[in-house]
Amino acid sequence: MNANNWNKMYGELRDCLFPGNRYPHEPLIHFISNIGRSSDNTDNYIREVLDLHRHYNKKLFDDQLTLERKALDIGFGTISDLIMLLDYGYKGYGVEVSDHAIECARRAAKHFDYPISVSHYKPYNLDFSDSYFDLVVSNASAYYNVDFEKFLKETYRVLKKDGYFFHRMIAKDHGYFENNYADYCYSNVYEWTRYPLDEINGLQFVCYDKQELYDVFNRDFKNVKVSYLKYDYQTLKQSWWIVTGKK
C-alpha cells in the first residue's frame, strides 16, 4: 500500500472532499442498523426500529448524545460513514494512508463540530490498545493490505470480544477485471496496471473467492457471513463481497 499514490490522488481532489461525501455506504447502513436486533418476529423488529429511532433522535435533539461505543473506519476516504455511525451511538475513529484525506476529514469534523478522530494508518499497525473498539469497518479499502492475514490479526486485536466487523471486498467478476485494469501477480495478489486514474496504477491488492474469504476470516472470527453485492454503475459492473462477523 503506497501512501504516495493516495496522497497524489486525494491532493488533486482535496477541494471536492470538503466537507465530505454526504451519503454513507448503503450496505454498511443495513448492517449497522440490524446489530442487536431480532428478525424472527415482524412486530418485534418494527418496535425495535421505532424504539431505536426515538432513542437516538431524542438524544440528538436534546444535545445529550452519549457515545458509549467506539467504531473504527479503516481507509475512511471521506467521513460520511463516520457521521452515520454517530447516529447509532458510536464515537468514530478513522485511519487513512493519505495525509490529504486526513486533513480534509479534520476540516470537516471541525466545521460541523463532529466528535470524530482521524489519524494516519501505516500498515499493518493500528495505534490503539487491545479490545478498544466495538466495531471495525472498511469499504473497498481493506483489500489493499496485501498481507491480509496480518491485517486481520491486527483488527482482531483492537476489536472487543463479541465486537462486530464489516468489510466490503472486491470480487473477481468486477468490471475492473473484465476491462483488464489489473494484472495477476501471485497467489491472491493483483496489481492495478491500466486503471483510469493513473495514481492508482502500481498499487497491489488481494482478491478472494467466496470460500477463500470464509477460510481466511474463520481462522480468527466467528459468525462469519459472506454476501454478494452486484450492481451496474453507468457501464461498469460493480461486484463486491460483503464480509461480516464477530470476534
Protein backbone atom coordinates (compact mmCIF):
# COMPACT_ATOMS: atom_id res chain seq x y z
CA MET A 1 0.00 0.00 0.00
CA ASN A 2 1.78 3.13 -1.25
CA ALA A 3 0.74 6.29 0.59
CA ASN A 4 2.28 8.50 -2.11
CA ASN A 5 -0.24 7.24 -4.69
CA TRP A 6 -3.18 8.02 -2.42
CA ASN A 7 -1.72 11.38 -1.38
CA LYS A 8 -1.43 12.40 -5.03
CA MET A 9 -4.98 11.36 -5.83
CA TYR A 10 -6.53 12.95 -2.73
CA GLY A 11 -4.37 16.02 -3.21
CA GLU A 12 -5.83 16.62 -6.66
CA LEU A 13 -9.35 16.08 -5.32
CA ARG A 14 -8.87 17.86 -1.99
CA ASP A 15 -11.39 20.66 -2.61
CA CYS A 16 -14.01 18.10 -3.63
CA LEU A 17 -13.55 16.24 -0.35
CA PHE A 18 -14.63 19.11 1.92
CA PRO A 19 -16.84 18.78 3.85
CA GLY A 20 -17.03 15.17 2.67
CA ASN A 21 -19.45 12.91 0.86
CA ARG A 22 -22.89 13.42 2.42
CA TYR A 23 -24.07 9.86 1.95
CA PRO A 24 -22.72 6.76 3.71
CA HIS A 25 -22.44 3.36 2.04
CA GLU A 26 -25.80 1.58 1.91
CA PRO A 27 -24.55 -1.95 2.78
CA LEU A 28 -22.91 -0.57 5.91
CA ILE A 29 -26.14 1.24 6.88
CA HIS A 30 -28.06 -2.04 6.59
CA PHE A 31 -25.50 -3.89 8.69
CA ILE A 32 -25.24 -1.28 11.45
CA SER A 33 -28.99 -0.80 11.72
CA ASN A 34 -29.51 -4.52 12.36
CA ILE A 35 -26.85 -5.08 15.03
CA GLY A 36 -28.55 -6.44 18.11
CA ARG A 37 -31.98 -6.67 16.54
CA SER A 38 -34.12 -9.76 16.20
CA SER A 39 -35.70 -10.53 12.83
CA ASP A 40 -37.75 -13.58 13.73
CA ASN A 41 -40.83 -11.58 14.60
CA THR A 42 -42.01 -8.71 12.40
CA ASP A 43 -43.80 -6.88 15.22
CA ASN A 44 -40.74 -7.06 17.46
CA TYR A 45 -38.49 -5.92 14.64
CA ILE A 46 -40.67 -2.88 13.85
CA ARG A 47 -40.91 -1.98 17.54
CA GLU A 48 -37.12 -2.20 17.92
CA VAL A 49 -36.62 0.05 14.89
CA LEU A 50 -39.00 2.67 16.26
CA ASP A 51 -37.51 2.50 19.76
CA LEU A 52 -34.01 2.90 18.41
CA HIS A 53 -35.07 5.82 16.24
CA ARG A 54 -36.75 7.61 19.16
CA HIS A 55 -33.85 6.83 21.49
CA TYR A 56 -31.12 8.39 19.38
CA ASN A 57 -33.18 11.21 17.96
CA LYS A 58 -34.18 12.31 21.47
CA LYS A 59 -30.53 12.38 22.48
CA LEU A 60 -29.59 14.28 19.35
CA PHE A 61 -32.34 16.85 19.72
CA ASP A 62 -31.69 17.25 23.44
CA ASP A 63 -27.96 17.59 22.72
CA GLN A 64 -27.33 14.73 25.13
CA LEU A 65 -25.98 12.08 22.80
CA THR A 66 -23.76 9.77 24.84
CA LEU A 67 -21.26 7.94 22.68
CA GLU A 68 -20.57 4.87 24.77
CA ARG A 69 -19.37 2.67 21.90
CA LYS A 70 -16.39 3.15 19.61
CA ALA A 71 -16.08 2.33 15.90
CA LEU A 72 -13.03 2.29 13.65
CA ASP A 73 -13.27 3.01 9.91
CA ILE A 74 -10.15 1.77 8.11
CA GLY A 75 -9.50 3.74 4.93
CA PHE A 76 -12.37 6.14 5.61
CA GLY A 77 -11.86 8.25 2.44
CA THR A 78 -14.44 10.82 3.48
CA ILE A 79 -16.19 10.90 6.86
CA SER A 80 -19.71 10.11 5.64
CA ASP A 81 -19.74 6.64 7.25
CA LEU A 82 -18.30 8.02 10.48
CA ILE A 83 -21.06 10.65 10.61
CA MET A 84 -23.69 7.94 10.14
CA LEU A 85 -22.15 5.89 12.95
CA LEU A 86 -22.64 8.84 15.32
CA ASP A 87 -26.38 8.46 14.85
CA TYR A 88 -26.11 4.92 16.18
CA GLY A 89 -24.19 5.90 19.27
CA TYR A 90 -20.62 5.17 18.10
CA LYS A 91 -17.77 7.58 18.64
CA GLY A 92 -15.98 7.49 15.31
CA TYR A 93 -12.30 6.89 14.70
CA GLY A 94 -10.83 6.74 11.22
CA VAL A 95 -7.43 5.84 9.79
CA GLU A 96 -6.09 6.62 6.31
CA VAL A 97 -2.79 6.35 4.46
CA SER A 98 -3.33 9.72 2.77
CA ASP A 99 -2.39 12.88 4.70
CA HIS A 100 -4.63 14.90 2.35
CA ALA A 101 -7.66 12.77 3.23
CA ILE A 102 -6.89 13.18 6.92
CA GLU A 103 -6.58 16.95 6.54
CA CYS A 104 -9.95 17.18 4.75
CA ALA A 105 -11.61 14.97 7.35
CA ARG A 106 -10.31 17.10 10.20
CA ARG A 107 -11.52 20.26 8.49
CA ALA A 108 -14.98 18.75 8.01
CA ALA A 109 -15.17 17.45 11.59
CA LYS A 110 -14.13 20.84 12.95
CA HIS A 111 -16.51 22.70 10.65
CA PHE A 112 -19.53 20.68 11.84
CA ASP A 113 -18.24 20.05 15.38
CA TYR A 114 -18.39 16.27 14.98
CA PRO A 115 -16.77 14.12 17.72
CA ILE A 116 -14.68 12.25 15.13
CA SER A 117 -10.98 11.45 15.42
CA VAL A 118 -8.81 10.58 12.41
CA SER A 119 -5.17 9.57 12.17
CA HIS A 120 -2.52 8.16 9.86
CA TYR A 121 -2.51 4.44 9.02
CA LYS A 122 0.82 2.76 8.45
CA PRO A 123 0.12 -0.87 7.52
CA TYR A 124 -0.20 -3.05 9.38
CA ASN A 125 -0.21 -1.30 12.74
CA LEU A 126 -3.33 0.18 14.33
CA ASP A 127 -2.25 2.61 17.03
CA PHE A 128 -4.92 1.60 19.53
CA SER A 129 -4.92 -0.58 22.60
CA ASP A 130 -6.22 -4.15 22.69
CA SER A 131 -10.01 -4.64 22.69
CA TYR A 132 -10.62 -0.95 22.09
CA PHE A 133 -13.43 -0.98 19.51
CA ASP A 134 -16.96 -2.30 19.46
CA LEU A 135 -16.99 -2.20 15.67
CA VAL A 136 -14.39 -2.23 12.87
CA VAL A 137 -15.46 -1.39 9.31
CA SER A 138 -13.93 -0.76 5.90
CA ASN A 139 -15.41 -0.01 2.50
CA ALA A 140 -13.36 -1.02 -0.55
CA SER A 141 -10.08 -0.43 1.27
CA ALA A 142 -9.13 -3.48 3.35
CA TYR A 143 -8.04 -5.47 0.32
CA TYR A 144 -5.13 -3.09 -0.26
CA ASN A 145 -3.50 -4.77 2.74
CA VAL A 146 -1.66 -7.39 0.69
CA ASP A 147 -0.55 -9.34 3.77
CA PHE A 148 -4.20 -9.81 4.52
CA GLU A 149 -3.86 -12.31 7.35
CA LYS A 150 -1.60 -9.86 9.18
CA PHE A 151 -4.24 -7.17 8.66
CA LEU A 152 -6.93 -9.43 10.13
CA LYS A 153 -4.77 -10.28 13.15
CA GLU A 154 -4.41 -6.58 13.91
CA THR A 155 -8.12 -5.84 13.53
CA TYR A 156 -8.83 -8.83 15.77
CA ARG A 157 -6.52 -7.37 18.40
CA VAL A 158 -8.25 -3.97 18.60
CA LEU A 159 -11.77 -5.41 18.49
CA LYS A 160 -13.60 -6.18 21.73
CA LYS A 161 -14.92 -9.65 22.48
CA ASP A 162 -18.24 -10.03 20.66
CA GLY A 163 -17.44 -6.86 18.71
CA TYR A 164 -18.56 -6.72 15.08
CA PHE A 165 -16.74 -6.19 11.81
CA PHE A 166 -17.82 -5.23 8.27
CA HIS A 167 -15.59 -5.28 5.18
CA ARG A 168 -16.52 -4.68 1.55
CA MET A 169 -14.09 -6.64 -0.64
CA ILE A 170 -13.66 -6.64 -4.41
CA ALA A 171 -14.94 -9.75 -6.26
CA LYS A 172 -13.22 -11.45 -9.17
CA ASP A 173 -16.04 -10.72 -11.64
CA HIS A 174 -15.88 -6.99 -11.02
CA GLY A 175 -15.90 -4.82 -14.12
CA TYR A 176 -12.36 -3.72 -13.31
CA PHE A 177 -11.17 -7.21 -14.17
CA GLU A 178 -13.45 -7.53 -17.20
CA ASN A 179 -11.95 -4.28 -18.52
CA ASN A 180 -8.44 -5.60 -17.87
CA TYR A 181 -7.50 -2.86 -15.39
CA ALA A 182 -5.37 -5.22 -13.27
CA ASP A 183 -2.75 -7.94 -13.77
CA TYR A 184 -2.35 -11.10 -11.74
CA CYS A 185 0.83 -11.20 -9.65
CA TYR A 186 0.86 -14.30 -7.42
CA SER A 187 -1.37 -16.21 -5.01
CA ASN A 188 -4.36 -13.88 -4.40
CA VAL A 189 -2.44 -10.70 -5.22
CA TYR A 190 -3.17 -8.42 -8.20
CA GLU A 191 -1.80 -5.07 -9.35
CA TRP A 192 -3.57 -2.14 -10.98
CA THR A 193 -1.83 -1.50 -14.30
CA ARG A 194 -4.43 0.13 -16.57
CA TYR A 195 -6.72 1.85 -14.04
CA PRO A 196 -8.39 5.04 -15.41
CA LEU A 197 -6.90 7.07 -12.54
CA ASP A 198 -3.18 6.79 -13.13
CA GLU A 199 -2.39 7.43 -9.44
CA ILE A 200 -3.88 4.02 -8.63
CA ASN A 201 -1.69 2.13 -11.08
CA GLY A 202 1.12 0.27 -9.38
CA LEU A 203 -0.89 -0.46 -6.23
CA GLN A 204 -1.33 -4.10 -5.28
CA PHE A 205 -4.37 -5.67 -3.67
CA VAL A 206 -5.82 -9.05 -2.75
CA CYS A 207 -8.88 -10.68 -4.26
CA TYR A 208 -10.59 -13.84 -2.97
CA ASP A 209 -13.49 -16.02 -3.98
CA LYS A 210 -16.29 -16.72 -1.52
CA GLN A 211 -14.89 -19.91 0.03
CA GLU A 212 -11.44 -18.35 0.39
CA LEU A 213 -12.97 -15.47 2.34
CA TYR A 214 -14.75 -17.91 4.66
CA ASP A 215 -11.49 -19.76 5.19
CA VAL A 216 -9.35 -16.72 5.97
CA PHE A 217 -11.88 -14.99 8.24
CA ASN A 218 -12.93 -18.13 10.13
CA ARG A 219 -9.39 -18.60 11.41
CA ASP A 220 -9.96 -15.83 13.94
CA PHE A 221 -13.57 -14.69 13.85
CA LYS A 222 -16.98 -16.25 14.40
CA ASN A 223 -20.43 -15.90 12.82
CA VAL A 224 -18.74 -15.08 9.52
CA LYS A 225 -21.11 -14.32 6.65
CA VAL A 226 -20.13 -13.56 3.05
CA SER A 227 -22.73 -11.87 0.86
CA TYR A 228 -22.53 -10.93 -2.80
CA LEU A 229 -23.38 -7.41 -3.98
CA LYS A 230 -23.69 -6.63 -7.68
CA TYR A 231 -24.92 -3.54 -9.48
CA ASP A 232 -24.16 -1.55 -12.60
CA TYR A 233 -22.59 1.88 -12.35
CA GLN A 234 -23.02 3.54 -15.74
CA THR A 235 -21.33 0.96 -18.00
CA LEU A 236 -19.10 -0.66 -15.35
CA LYS A 237 -20.29 -3.70 -13.42
CA GLN A 238 -19.69 -3.45 -9.69
CA SER A 239 -19.23 -6.79 -7.90
CA TRP A 240 -18.36 -6.96 -4.22
CA TRP A 241 -18.21 -9.33 -1.28
CA ILE A 242 -19.69 -8.07 2.00
CA VAL A 243 -17.96 -9.91 4.85
CA THR A 244 -19.37 -9.58 8.36
CA GLY A 245 -18.95 -11.34 11.68
CA LYS A 246 -17.86 -11.07 15.32
CA LYS A 247 -14.77 -11.57 17.43
